[in-house]
Amino acid sequence: MIKKVIIVVVILVSSVVAYNLVSQIINASKSGERLSEAAEVVYNLEAENKQLKKKLEEIQSPQFIEEEARNKLNLGKAGETIVIIPDEKIKQVLGSSNSAQIIRLPNYLGWFRVFFK
């Protein structure tokens, strides 16, 4: 009778120990996955940070500032004359050039013209 009780207690203790060991192994493997995911996120953020620093350097350059002032604010250097063409005039000029349309020929006629005309 005592042997049966001791065997049952040993089986219970060993099953509890085995369960805890398996759960720790599973948690360790999940931690490794989380670590690799976090490393990937860090790598992506570092790459984005490099791009943003490069863009910041580009934006802070005098050439970029001058270009933006010329394009968006219509500013110019001393002695320059700024000419602004109204949109109506641009549309009028570009609209008249649209009257000549390209006529697409079938391929065989196009090749015929290339070689025989």
PDB file of N, CA and C in Angstrom:
ATOM      1  N   MET A   1       0.825  -1.191   0.000  1.00  0.00           N
ATOM      2  CA  MET A   1       0.000   0.000   0.000  1.00  0.00           C
ATOM      3  C   MET A   1       0.874   1.262   0.000  1.00  0.00           C
ATOM      4  N   ILE A   2       1.901   1.306   0.810  1.00  0.00           N
ATOM      5  CA  ILE A   2       2.784   2.457   0.901  1.00  0.00           C
ATOM      6  C   ILE A   2       3.541   2.623  -0.409  1.00  0.00           C
ATOM      7  N   LYS A   3       3.885   1.498  -1.028  1.00  0.00           N
ATOM      8  CA  LYS A   3       4.594   1.573  -2.310  1.00  0.00           C
ATOM      9  C   LYS A   3       3.706   2.207  -3.377  1.00  0.00           C
ATOM     10  N   LYS A   4       2.429   1.863  -3.361  1.00  0.00           N
ATOM     11  CA  LYS A   4       1.504   2.435  -4.347  1.00  0.00           C
ATOM     12  C   LYS A   4       1.369   3.946  -4.139  1.00  0.00           C
ATOM     13  N   VAL A   5       1.308   4.391  -2.897  1.00  0.00           N
ATOM     14  CA  VAL A   5       1.177   5.813  -2.587  1.00  0.00           C
ATOM     15  C   VAL A   5       2.455   6.545  -3.018  1.00  0.00           C
ATOM     16  N   ILE A   6       3.604   5.956  -2.739  1.00  0.00           N
ATOM     17  CA  ILE A   6       4.872   6.569  -3.124  1.00  0.00           C
ATOM     18  C   ILE A   6       4.967   6.654  -4.643  1.00  0.00           C
ATOM     19  N   ILE A   7       4.549   5.613  -5.347  1.00  0.00           N
ATOM     20  CA  ILE A   7       4.586   5.619  -6.827  1.00  0.00           C
ATOM     21  C   ILE A   7       3.653   6.696  -7.368  1.00  0.00           C
ATOM     22  N   VAL A   8       2.458   6.834  -6.802  1.00  0.00           N
ATOM     23  CA  VAL A   8       1.504   7.857  -7.244  1.00  0.00           C
ATOM     24  C   VAL A   8       2.076   9.244  -6.978  1.00  0.00           C
ATOM     25  N   VAL A   9       2.697   9.467  -5.829  1.00  0.00           N
ATOM     26  CA  VAL A   9       3.278  10.765  -5.507  1.00  0.00           C
ATOM     27  C   VAL A   9       4.434  11.083  -6.452  1.00  0.00           C
ATOM     28  N   VAL A  10       5.279  10.096  -6.735  1.00  0.00           N
ATOM     29  CA  VAL A  10       6.403  10.295  -7.652  1.00  0.00           C
ATOM     30  C   VAL A  10       5.885  10.614  -9.054  1.00  0.00           C
ATOM     31  N   ILE A  11       4.846   9.915  -9.486  1.00  0.00           N
ATOM     32  CA  ILE A  11       4.264  10.175 -10.809  1.00  0.00           C
ATOM     33  C   ILE A  11       3.675  11.580 -10.859  1.00  0.00           C
ATOM     34  N   LEU A  12       2.993  12.003  -9.804  1.00  0.00           N
ATOM     35  CA  LEU A  12       2.413  13.347  -9.773  1.00  0.00           C
ATOM     36  C   LEU A  12       3.503  14.420  -9.784  1.00  0.00           C
ATOM     37  N   VAL A  13       4.530  14.227  -8.981  1.00  0.00           N
ATOM     38  CA  VAL A  13       5.613  15.215  -8.924  1.00  0.00           C
ATOM     39  C   VAL A  13       6.342  15.282 -10.254  1.00  0.00           C
ATOM     40  N   SER A  14       6.627  14.112 -10.825  1.00  0.00           N
ATOM     41  CA  SER A  14       7.340  14.103 -12.112  1.00  0.00           C
ATOM     42  C   SER A  14       6.468  14.679 -13.227  1.00  0.00           C
ATOM     43  N   SER A  15       5.165  14.458 -13.200  1.00  0.00           N
ATOM     44  CA  SER A  15       4.295  15.056 -14.225  1.00  0.00           C
ATOM     45  C   SER A  15       4.220  16.572 -14.071  1.00  0.00           C
ATOM     46  N   VAL A  16       4.201  17.074 -12.849  1.00  0.00           N
ATOM     47  CA  VAL A  16       4.207  18.523 -12.621  1.00  0.00           C
ATOM     48  C   VAL A  16       5.518  19.125 -13.108  1.00  0.00           C
ATOM     49  N   VAL A  17       6.632  18.470 -12.808  1.00  0.00           N
ATOM     50  CA  VAL A  17       7.934  18.952 -13.249  1.00  0.00           C
ATOM     51  C   VAL A  17       8.021  18.925 -14.778  1.00  0.00           C
ATOM     52  N   ALA A  18       7.532  17.869 -15.397  1.00  0.00           N
ATOM     53  CA  ALA A  18       7.559  17.759 -16.857  1.00  0.00           C
ATOM     54  C   ALA A  18       6.688  18.843 -17.494  1.00  0.00           C
ATOM     55  N   TYR A  19       5.506  19.094 -16.916  1.00  0.00           N
ATOM     56  CA  TYR A  19       4.618  20.130 -17.447  1.00  0.00           C
ATOM     57  C   TYR A  19       5.297  21.498 -17.376  1.00  0.00           C
ATOM     58  N   ASN A  20       5.926  21.800 -16.236  1.00  0.00           N
ATOM     59  CA  ASN A  20       6.609  23.092 -16.086  1.00  0.00           C
ATOM     60  C   ASN A  20       7.789  23.209 -17.048  1.00  0.00           C
ATOM     61  N   LEU A  21       8.509  22.113 -17.240  1.00  0.00           N
ATOM     62  CA  LEU A  21       9.641  22.124 -18.157  1.00  0.00           C
ATOM     63  C   LEU A  21       9.187  22.369 -19.597  1.00  0.00           C
ATOM     64  N   VAL A  22       8.125  21.704 -20.011  1.00  0.00           N
ATOM     65  CA  VAL A  22       7.597  21.897 -21.365  1.00  0.00           C
ATOM     66  C   VAL A  22       7.077  23.318 -21.539  1.00  0.00           C
ATOM     67  N   SER A  23       6.399  23.857 -20.549  1.00  0.00           N
ATOM     68  CA  SER A  23       5.887  25.236 -20.676  1.00  0.00           C
ATOM     69  C   SER A  23       7.025  26.240 -20.747  1.00  0.00           C
ATOM     70  N   GLN A  24       8.129  26.005 -20.022  1.00  0.00           N
ATOM     71  CA  GLN A  24       9.275  26.902 -20.113  1.00  0.00           C
ATOM     72  C   GLN A  24       9.945  26.812 -21.481  1.00  0.00           C
ATOM     73  N   ILE A  25      10.015  25.621 -22.050  1.00  0.00           N
ATOM     74  CA  ILE A  25      10.593  25.460 -23.392  1.00  0.00           C
ATOM     75  C   ILE A  25       9.744  26.193 -24.424  1.00  0.00           C
ATOM     76  N   ILE A  26       8.430  26.081 -24.299  1.00  0.00           N
ATOM     77  CA  ILE A  26       7.531  26.772 -25.235  1.00  0.00           C
ATOM     78  C   ILE A  26       7.669  28.285 -25.084  1.00  0.00           C
ATOM     79  N   ASN A  27       7.742  28.771 -23.861  1.00  0.00           N
ATOM     80  CA  ASN A  27       7.918  30.211 -23.632  1.00  0.00           C
ATOM     81  C   ASN A  27       9.252  30.704 -24.177  1.00  0.00           C
ATOM     82  N   ALA A  28      10.296  29.902 -24.040  1.00  0.00           N
ATOM     83  CA  ALA A  28      11.612  30.286 -24.565  1.00  0.00           C
ATOM     84  C   ALA A  28      11.584  30.377 -26.085  1.00  0.00           C
ATOM     85  N   SER A  29      10.904  29.430 -26.741  1.00  0.00           N
ATOM     86  CA  SER A  29      10.835  29.492 -28.207  1.00  0.00           C
ATOM     87  C   SER A  29      10.008  30.703 -28.667  1.00  0.00           C
ATOM     88  N   LYS A  30       8.941  31.004 -27.947  1.00  0.00           N
ATOM     89  CA  LYS A  30       8.145  32.189 -28.288  1.00  0.00           C
ATOM     90  C   LYS A  30       8.946  33.463 -28.059  1.00  0.00           C
ATOM     91  N   SER A  31       9.777  33.472 -27.024  1.00  0.00           N
ATOM     92  CA  SER A  31      10.617  34.644 -26.756  1.00  0.00           C
ATOM     93  C   SER A  31      11.617  34.854 -27.878  1.00  0.00           C
ATOM     94  N   GLY A  32      12.156  33.764 -28.424  1.00  0.00           N
ATOM     95  CA  GLY A  32      13.070  33.874 -29.558  1.00  0.00           C
ATOM     96  C   GLY A  32      12.380  34.457 -30.774  1.00  0.00           C
ATOM     97  N   GLU A  33      11.149  34.050 -31.014  1.00  0.00           N
ATOM     98  CA  GLU A  33      10.384  34.602 -32.139  1.00  0.00           C
ATOM     99  C   GLU A  33      10.114  36.093 -31.930  1.00  0.00           C
ATOM    100  N   ARG A  34       9.731  36.448 -30.702  1.00  0.00           N
ATOM    101  CA  ARG A  34       9.474  37.863 -30.409  1.00  0.00           C
ATOM    102  C   ARG A  34      10.751  38.682 -30.565  1.00  0.00           C
ATOM    103  N   LEU A  35      11.876  38.098 -30.158  1.00  0.00           N
ATOM    104  CA  LEU A  35      13.147  38.800 -30.282  1.00  0.00           C
ATOM    105  C   LEU A  35      13.504  39.031 -31.747  1.00  0.00           C
ATOM    106  N   SER A  36      13.297  38.021 -32.590  1.00  0.00           N
ATOM    107  CA  SER A  36      13.613  38.200 -34.015  1.00  0.00           C
ATOM    108  C   SER A  36      12.669  39.216 -34.657  1.00  0.00           C
ATOM    109  N   GLU A  37      11.400  39.220 -34.265  1.00  0.00           N
ATOM    110  CA  GLU A  37      10.461  40.217 -34.784  1.00  0.00           C
ATOM    111  C   GLU A  37      10.863  41.621 -34.344  1.00  0.00           C
ATOM    112  N   ALA A  38      11.271  41.753 -33.100  1.00  0.00           N
ATOM    113  CA  ALA A  38      11.694  43.068 -32.603  1.00  0.00           C
ATOM    114  C   ALA A  38      12.965  43.528 -33.308  1.00  0.00           C
ATOM    115  N   ALA A  39      13.887  42.596 -33.583  1.00  0.00           N
ATOM    116  CA  ALA A  39      15.113  42.954 -34.305  1.00  0.00           C
ATOM    117  C   ALA A  39      14.790  43.421 -35.716  1.00  0.00           C
ATOM    118  N   GLU A  40      13.821  42.788 -36.348  1.00  0.00           N
ATOM    119  CA  GLU A  40      13.411  43.197 -37.694  1.00  0.00           C
ATOM    120  C   GLU A  40      12.788  44.594 -37.663  1.00  0.00           C
ATOM    121  N   VAL A  41      11.967  44.863 -36.658  1.00  0.00           N
ATOM    122  CA  VAL A  41      11.355  46.185 -36.525  1.00  0.00           C
ATOM    123  C   VAL A  41      12.436  47.242 -36.312  1.00  0.00           C
ATOM    124  N   VAL A  42      13.426  46.919 -35.478  1.00  0.00           N
ATOM    125  CA  VAL A  42      14.522  47.861 -35.224  1.00  0.00           C
ATOM    126  C   VAL A  42      15.299  48.130 -36.505  1.00  0.00           C
ATOM    127  N   TYR A  43      15.565  47.084 -37.281  1.00  0.00           N
ATOM    128  CA  TYR A  43      16.290  47.251 -38.547  1.00  0.00           C
ATOM    129  C   TYR A  43      15.511  48.156 -39.500  1.00  0.00           C
ATOM    130  N   ASN A  44      14.205  47.923 -39.625  1.00  0.00           N
ATOM    131  CA  ASN A  44      13.375  48.760 -40.504  1.00  0.00           C
ATOM    132  C   ASN A  44      13.355  50.208 -40.027  1.00  0.00           C
ATOM    133  N   LEU A  45      13.268  50.413 -38.721  1.00  0.00           N
ATOM    134  CA  LEU A  45      13.252  51.780 -38.193  1.00  0.00           C
ATOM    135  C   LEU A  45      14.596  52.476 -38.397  1.00  0.00           C
ATOM    136  N   GLU A  46      15.691  51.732 -38.277  1.00  0.00           N
ATOM    137  CA  GLU A  46      17.001  52.324 -38.529  1.00  0.00           C
ATOM    138  C   GLU A  46      17.148  52.723 -39.996  1.00  0.00           C
ATOM    139  N   ALA A  47      16.644  51.880 -40.911  1.00  0.00           N
ATOM    140  CA  ALA A  47      16.700  52.218 -42.332  1.00  0.00           C
ATOM    141  C   ALA A  47      15.870  53.467 -42.615  1.00  0.00           C
ATOM    142  N   GLU A  48      14.678  53.541 -42.020  1.00  0.00           N
ATOM    143  CA  GLU A  48      13.824  54.718 -42.202  1.00  0.00           C
ATOM    144  C   GLU A  48      14.490  55.965 -41.608  1.00  0.00           C
ATOM    145  N   ASN A  49      15.169  55.789 -40.477  1.00  0.00           N
ATOM    146  CA  ASN A  49      15.864  56.894 -39.835  1.00  0.00           C
ATOM    147  C   ASN A  49      16.979  57.418 -40.738  1.00  0.00           C
ATOM    148  N   LYS A  50      17.716  56.527 -41.385  1.00  0.00           N
ATOM    149  CA  LYS A  50      18.770  56.950 -42.309  1.00  0.00           C
ATOM    150  C   LYS A  50      18.185  57.754 -43.467  1.00  0.00           C
ATOM    151  N   GLN A  51      17.065  57.265 -44.013  1.00  0.00           N
ATOM    152  CA  GLN A  51      16.427  57.982 -45.116  1.00  0.00           C
ATOM    153  C   GLN A  51      15.959  59.363 -44.670  1.00  0.00           C
ATOM    154  N   LEU A  52      15.384  59.441 -43.482  1.00  0.00           N
ATOM    155  CA  LEU A  52      14.897  60.730 -42.996  1.00  0.00           C
ATOM    156  C   LEU A  52      16.049  61.694 -42.721  1.00  0.00           C
ATOM    157  N   LYS A  53      17.166  61.184 -42.196  1.00  0.00           N
ATOM    158  CA  LYS A  53      18.320  62.051 -41.969  1.00  0.00           C
ATOM    159  C   LYS A  53      18.878  62.564 -43.283  1.00  0.00           C
ATOM    160  N   LYS A  54      18.900  61.700 -44.303  1.00  0.00           N
ATOM    161  CA  LYS A  54      19.380  62.111 -45.621  1.00  0.00           C
ATOM    162  C   LYS A  54      18.471  63.189 -46.201  1.00  0.00           C
ATOM    163  N   LYS A  55      17.159  62.987 -46.060  1.00  0.00           N
ATOM    164  CA  LYS A  55      16.214  63.978 -46.567  1.00  0.00           C
ATOM    165  C   LYS A  55      16.333  65.284 -45.796  1.00  0.00           C
ATOM    166  N   LEU A  56      16.575  65.205 -44.488  1.00  0.00           N
ATOM    167  CA  LEU A  56      16.742  66.413 -43.678  1.00  0.00           C
ATOM    168  C   LEU A  56      17.964  67.198 -44.134  1.00  0.00           C
ATOM    169  N   GLU A  57      19.061  66.507 -44.403  1.00  0.00           N
ATOM    170  CA  GLU A  57      20.253  67.189 -44.906  1.00  0.00           C
ATOM    171  C   GLU A  57      19.971  67.855 -46.247  1.00  0.00           C
ATOM    172  N   GLU A  58      19.222  67.147 -47.096  1.00  0.00           N
ATOM    173  CA  GLU A  58      18.888  67.700 -48.411  1.00  0.00           C
ATOM    174  C   GLU A  58      18.001  68.931 -48.268  1.00  0.00           C
ATOM    175  N   ILE A  59      17.037  68.867 -47.370  1.00  0.00           N
ATOM    176  CA  ILE A  59      16.108  69.991 -47.184  1.00  0.00           C
ATOM    177  C   ILE A  59      16.815  71.194 -46.583  1.00  0.00           C
ATOM    178  N   GLN A  60      17.810  70.965 -45.741  1.00  0.00           N
ATOM    179  CA  GLN A  60      18.504  72.076 -45.096  1.00  0.00           C
ATOM    180  C   GLN A  60      19.578  72.691 -45.989  1.00  0.00           C
ATOM    181  N   SER A  61      19.813  72.119 -47.160  1.00  0.00           N
ATOM    182  CA  SER A  61      20.852  72.668 -48.035  1.00  0.00           C
ATOM    183  C   SER A  61      20.381  73.992 -48.651  1.00  0.00           C
ATOM    184  N   PRO A  62      21.308  74.900 -48.905  1.00  0.00           N
ATOM    185  CA  PRO A  62      20.938  76.199 -49.495  1.00  0.00           C
ATOM    186  C   PRO A  62      20.316  76.056 -50.888  1.00  0.00           C
ATOM    187  N   GLN A  63      20.748  75.066 -51.655  1.00  0.00           N
ATOM    188  CA  GLN A  63      20.184  74.880 -52.996  1.00  0.00           C
ATOM    189  C   GLN A  63      18.704  74.530 -52.912  1.00  0.00           C
ATOM    190  N   PHE A  64      18.325  73.650 -51.982  1.00  0.00           N
ATOM    191  CA  PHE A  64      16.931  73.267 -51.848  1.00  0.00           C
ATOM    192  C   PHE A  64      16.091  74.456 -51.398  1.00  0.00           C
ATOM    193  N   ILE A  65      16.604  75.217 -50.459  1.00  0.00           N
ATOM    194  CA  ILE A  65      15.864  76.388 -49.961  1.00  0.00           C
ATOM    195  C   ILE A  65      15.655  77.388 -51.089  1.00  0.00           C
ATOM    196  N   GLU A  66      16.699  77.624 -51.881  1.00  0.00           N
ATOM    197  CA  GLU A  66      16.581  78.562 -53.002  1.00  0.00           C
ATOM    198  C   GLU A  66      15.580  78.052 -54.036  1.00  0.00           C
ATOM    199  N   GLU A  67      15.627  76.751 -54.334  1.00  0.00           N
ATOM    200  CA  GLU A  67      14.706  76.184 -55.327  1.00  0.00           C
ATOM    201  C   GLU A  67      13.255  76.287 -54.861  1.00  0.00           C
ATOM    202  N   GLU A  68      13.020  76.000 -53.578  1.00  0.00           N
ATOM    203  CA  GLU A  68      11.667  76.103 -53.054  1.00  0.00           C
ATOM    204  C   GLU A  68      11.182  77.550 -53.066  1.00  0.00           C
ATOM    205  N   ALA A  69      12.062  78.487 -52.737  1.00  0.00           N
ATOM    206  CA  ALA A  69      11.681  79.899 -52.750  1.00  0.00           C
ATOM    207  C   ALA A  69      11.332  80.332 -54.167  1.00  0.00           C
ATOM    208  N   ARG A  70      12.090  79.854 -55.142  1.00  0.00           N
ATOM    209  CA  ARG A  70      11.806  80.226 -56.528  1.00  0.00           C
ATOM    210  C   ARG A  70      10.499  79.598 -57.015  1.00  0.00           C
ATOM    211  N   ASN A  71      10.297  78.324 -56.733  1.00  0.00           N
ATOM    212  CA  ASN A  71       9.142  77.609 -57.282  1.00  0.00           C
ATOM    213  C   ASN A  71       7.837  77.913 -56.554  1.00  0.00           C
ATOM    214  N   LYS A  72       7.865  77.925 -55.243  1.00  0.00           N
ATOM    215  CA  LYS A  72       6.617  78.050 -54.497  1.00  0.00           C
ATOM    216  C   LYS A  72       6.279  79.479 -54.096  1.00  0.00           C
ATOM    217  N   LEU A  73       7.300  80.291 -53.877  1.00  0.00           N
ATOM    218  CA  LEU A  73       7.048  81.653 -53.415  1.00  0.00           C
ATOM    219  C   LEU A  73       7.265  82.698 -54.504  1.00  0.00           C
ATOM    220  N   ASN A  74       7.666  82.252 -55.703  1.00  0.00           N
ATOM    221  CA  ASN A  74       7.923  83.148 -56.833  1.00  0.00           C
ATOM    222  C   ASN A  74       8.929  84.238 -56.494  1.00  0.00           C
ATOM    223  N   LEU A  75       9.957  83.874 -55.746  1.00  0.00           N
ATOM    224  CA  LEU A  75      11.013  84.820 -55.402  1.00  0.00           C
ATOM    225  C   LEU A  75      12.167  84.653 -56.384  1.00  0.00           C
ATOM    226  N   GLY A  76      12.962  85.685 -56.511  1.00  0.00           N
ATOM    227  CA  GLY A  76      14.116  85.635 -57.396  1.00  0.00           C
ATOM    228  C   GLY A  76      15.287  86.351 -56.773  1.00  0.00           C
ATOM    229  N   LYS A  77      16.435  86.209 -57.412  1.00  0.00           N
ATOM    230  CA  LYS A  77      17.641  86.884 -56.940  1.00  0.00           C
ATOM    231  C   LYS A  77      17.584  88.357 -57.348  1.00  0.00           C
ATOM    232  N   ALA A  78      18.474  89.133 -56.767  1.00  0.00           N
ATOM    233  CA  ALA A  78      18.526  90.555 -57.105  1.00  0.00           C
ATOM    234  C   ALA A  78      18.912  90.701 -58.579  1.00  0.00           C
ATOM    235  N   GLY A  79      18.181  91.536 -59.303  1.00  0.00           N
ATOM    236  CA  GLY A  79      18.463  91.770 -60.716  1.00  0.00           C
ATOM    237  C   GLY A  79      17.698  90.841 -61.650  1.00  0.00           C
ATOM    238  N   GLU A  80      17.016  89.825 -61.127  1.00  0.00           N
ATOM    239  CA  GLU A  80      16.241  88.925 -61.971  1.00  0.00           C
ATOM    240  C   GLU A  80      14.823  89.464 -62.134  1.00  0.00           C
ATOM    241  N   THR A  81      14.239  89.179 -63.276  1.00  0.00           N
ATOM    242  CA  THR A  81      12.859  89.551 -63.530  1.00  0.00           C
ATOM    243  C   THR A  81      12.030  88.275 -63.552  1.00  0.00           C
ATOM    244  N   ILE A  82      11.000  88.231 -62.754  1.00  0.00           N
ATOM    245  CA  ILE A  82      10.140  87.048 -62.682  1.00  0.00           C
ATOM    246  C   ILE A  82       8.960  87.267 -63.612  1.00  0.00           C
ATOM    247  N   VAL A  83       8.742  86.294 -64.476  1.00  0.00           N
ATOM    248  CA  VAL A  83       7.640  86.349 -65.426  1.00  0.00           C
ATOM    249  C   VAL A  83       6.660  85.248 -65.065  1.00  0.00           C
ATOM    250  N   ILE A  84       5.409  85.632 -64.859  1.00  0.00           N
ATOM    251  CA  ILE A  84       4.361  84.660 -64.537  1.00  0.00           C
ATOM    252  C   ILE A  84       3.379  84.647 -65.691  1.00  0.00           C
ATOM    253  N   ILE A  85       3.254  83.499 -66.325  1.00  0.00           N
ATOM    254  CA  ILE A  85       2.336  83.361 -67.458  1.00  0.00           C
ATOM    255  C   ILE A  85       0.994  82.882 -66.913  1.00  0.00           C
ATOM    256  N   PRO A  86      -0.086  83.585 -67.229  1.00  0.00           N
ATOM    257  CA  PRO A  86      -1.403  83.172 -66.745  1.00  0.00           C
ATOM    258  C   PRO A  86      -1.779  81.791 -67.289  1.00  0.00           C
ATOM    259  N   ASP A  87      -2.553  81.073 -66.502  1.00  0.00           N
ATOM    260  CA  ASP A  87      -2.965  79.725 -66.888  1.00  0.00           C
ATOM    261  C   ASP A  87      -3.788  79.722 -68.172  1.00  0.00           C
ATOM    262  N   GLU A  88      -4.575  80.782 -68.391  1.00  0.00           N
ATOM    263  CA  GLU A  88      -5.392  80.835 -69.612  1.00  0.00           C
ATOM    264  C   GLU A  88      -4.511  80.844 -70.852  1.00  0.00           C
ATOM    265  N   LYS A  89      -3.426  81.603 -70.801  1.00  0.00           N
ATOM    266  CA  LYS A  89      -2.525  81.677 -71.954  1.00  0.00           C
ATOM    267  C   LYS A  89      -1.854  80.329 -72.206  1.00  0.00           C
ATOM    268  N   ILE A  90      -1.462  79.654 -71.132  1.00  0.00           N
ATOM    269  CA  ILE A  90      -0.825  78.344 -71.287  1.00  0.00           C
ATOM    270  C   ILE A  90      -1.803  77.356 -71.906  1.00  0.00           C
ATOM    271  N   LYS A  91      -3.034  77.354 -71.412  1.00  0.00           N
ATOM    272  CA  LYS A  91      -4.051  76.451 -71.973  1.00  0.00           C
ATOM    273  C   LYS A  91      -4.361  76.803 -73.412  1.00  0.00           C
ATOM    274  N   GLN A  92      -4.373  78.094 -73.721  1.00  0.00           N
ATOM    275  CA  GLN A  92      -4.659  78.528 -75.087  1.00  0.00           C
ATOM    276  C   GLN A  92      -3.567  78.043 -76.036  1.00  0.00           C
ATOM    277  N   VAL A  93      -2.322  78.203 -75.644  1.00  0.00           N
ATOM    278  CA  VAL A  93      -1.213  77.789 -76.506  1.00  0.00           C
ATOM    279  C   VAL A  93      -1.164  76.272 -76.616  1.00  0.00           C
ATOM    280  N   LEU A  94      -1.302  75.587 -75.515  1.00  0.00           N
ATOM    281  CA  LEU A  94      -1.249  74.127 -75.550  1.00  0.00           C
ATOM    282  C   LEU A  94      -2.481  73.543 -76.212  1.00  0.00           C
ATOM    283  N   GLY A  95      -3.606  74.195 -76.072  1.00  0.00           N
ATOM    284  CA  GLY A  95      -4.831  73.704 -76.705  1.00  0.00           C
ATOM    285  C   GLY A  95      -4.741  73.770 -78.220  1.00  0.00           C
ATOM    286  N   SER A  96      -4.069  74.794 -78.777  1.00  0.00           N
ATOM    287  CA  SER A  96      -3.968  74.903 -80.226  1.00  0.00           C
ATOM    288  C   SER A  96      -3.039  73.836 -80.788  1.00  0.00           C
ATOM    289  N   SER A  97      -2.078  73.368 -80.004  1.00  0.00           N
ATOM    290  CA  SER A  97      -1.161  72.347 -80.514  1.00  0.00           C
ATOM    291  C   SER A  97      -1.785  70.961 -80.466  1.00  0.00           C
ATOM    292  N   ASN A  98      -2.896  70.803 -79.763  1.00  0.00           N
ATOM    293  CA  ASN A  98      -3.552  69.505 -79.693  1.00  0.00           C
ATOM    294  C   ASN A  98      -4.374  69.205 -80.940  1.00  0.00           C
ATOM    295  N   SER A  99      -4.516  70.186 -81.823  1.00  0.00           N
ATOM    296  CA  SER A  99      -5.348  69.966 -83.004  1.00  0.00           C
ATOM    297  C   SER A  99      -4.713  68.957 -83.959  1.00  0.00           C
ATOM    298  N   ALA A 100      -3.394  68.883 -83.997  1.00  0.00           N
ATOM    299  CA  ALA A 100      -2.726  67.892 -84.841  1.00  0.00           C
ATOM    300  C   ALA A 100      -2.648  66.584 -84.073  1.00  0.00           C
ATOM    301  N   GLN A 101      -3.467  65.628 -84.489  1.00  0.00           N
ATOM    302  CA  GLN A 101      -3.503  64.356 -83.791  1.00  0.00           C
ATOM    303  C   GLN A 101      -2.682  63.323 -84.546  1.00  0.00           C
ATOM    304  N   ILE A 102      -2.106  62.409 -83.813  1.00  0.00           N
ATOM    305  CA  ILE A 102      -1.309  61.350 -84.415  1.00  0.00           C
ATOM    306  C   ILE A 102      -2.244  60.266 -84.932  1.00  0.00           C
ATOM    307  N   ILE A 103      -2.033  59.898 -86.172  1.00  0.00           N
ATOM    308  CA  ILE A 103      -2.845  58.853 -86.778  1.00  0.00           C
ATOM    309  C   ILE A 103      -2.077  57.540 -86.666  1.00  0.00           C
ATOM    310  N   ARG A 104      -2.665  56.571 -86.002  1.00  0.00           N
ATOM    311  CA  ARG A 104      -2.009  55.274 -85.858  1.00  0.00           C
ATOM    312  C   ARG A 104      -2.385  54.385 -87.026  1.00  0.00           C
ATOM    313  N   LEU A 105      -1.340  53.887 -87.660  1.00  0.00           N
ATOM    314  CA  LEU A 105      -1.527  52.971 -88.772  1.00  0.00           C
ATOM    315  C   LEU A 105      -1.415  51.539 -88.279  1.00  0.00           C
ATOM    316  N   PRO A 106      -1.975  50.611 -89.018  1.00  0.00           N
ATOM    317  CA  PRO A 106      -1.739  49.203 -88.668  1.00  0.00           C
ATOM    318  C   PRO A 106      -0.250  48.888 -88.805  1.00  0.00           C
ATOM    319  N   ASN A 107       0.219  47.898 -88.103  1.00  0.00           N
ATOM    320  CA  ASN A 107       1.638  47.576 -88.070  1.00  0.00           C
ATOM    321  C   ASN A 107       2.207  47.280 -89.453  1.00  0.00           C
ATOM    322  N   TYR A 108       1.480  46.536 -90.263  1.00  0.00           N
ATOM    323  CA  TYR A 108       2.032  46.178 -91.568  1.00  0.00           C
ATOM    324  C   TYR A 108       2.231  47.414 -92.438  1.00  0.00           C
ATOM    325  N   LEU A 109       1.338  48.435 -92.323  1.00  0.00           N
ATOM    326  CA  LEU A 109       1.514  49.653 -93.110  1.00  0.00           C
ATOM    327  C   LEU A 109       2.682  50.483 -92.580  1.00  0.00           C
ATOM    328  N   GLY A 110       2.848  50.481 -91.251  1.00  0.00           N
ATOM    329  CA  GLY A 110       3.971  51.198 -90.675  1.00  0.00           C
ATOM    330  C   GLY A 110       5.294  50.617 -91.143  1.00  0.00           C
ATOM    331  N   TRP A 111       5.423  49.314 -91.120  1.00  0.00           N
ATOM    332  CA  TRP A 111       6.665  48.667 -91.589  1.00  0.00           C
ATOM    333  C   TRP A 111       6.848  48.866 -93.096  1.00  0.00           C
ATOM    334  N   PHE A 112       5.749  48.841 -93.825  1.00  0.00           N
ATOM    335  CA  PHE A 112       5.830  49.060 -95.272  1.00  0.00           C
ATOM    336  C   PHE A 112       6.395  50.453 -95.556  1.00  0.00           C
ATOM    337  N   ARG A 113       5.920  51.451 -94.810  1.00  0.00           N
ATOM    338  CA  ARG A 113       6.410  52.808 -95.007  1.00  0.00           C
ATOM    339  C   ARG A 113       7.870  52.960 -94.600  1.00  0.00           C
ATOM    340  N   VAL A 114       8.286  52.214 -93.578  1.00  0.00           N
ATOM    341  CA  VAL A 114       9.677  52.301 -93.153  1.00  0.00           C
ATOM    342  C   VAL A 114      10.603  51.799 -94.228  1.00  0.00           C
ATOM    343  N   PHE A 115      10.265  50.711 -94.890  1.00  0.00           N
ATOM    344  CA  PHE A 115      11.157  50.102 -95.857  1.00  0.00           C
ATOM    345  C   PHE A 115      10.972  50.592 -97.303  1.00  0.00           C
ATOM    346  N   PHE A 116       9.779  51.022 -97.669  1.00  0.00           N
ATOM    347  CA  PHE A 116       9.520  51.331 -99.069  1.00  0.00           C
ATOM    348  C   PHE A 116       9.196  52.788 -99.348  1.00  0.00           C
ATOM    349  N   LYS A 117       9.215  53.659 -98.414  1.00  0.00           N
ATOM    350  CA  LYS A 117       8.976  55.069 -98.696  1.00  0.00           C
ATOM    351  C   LYS A 117      10.031  55.925 -98.106  1.00  0.00           C
TER     352      LYS A 117
END
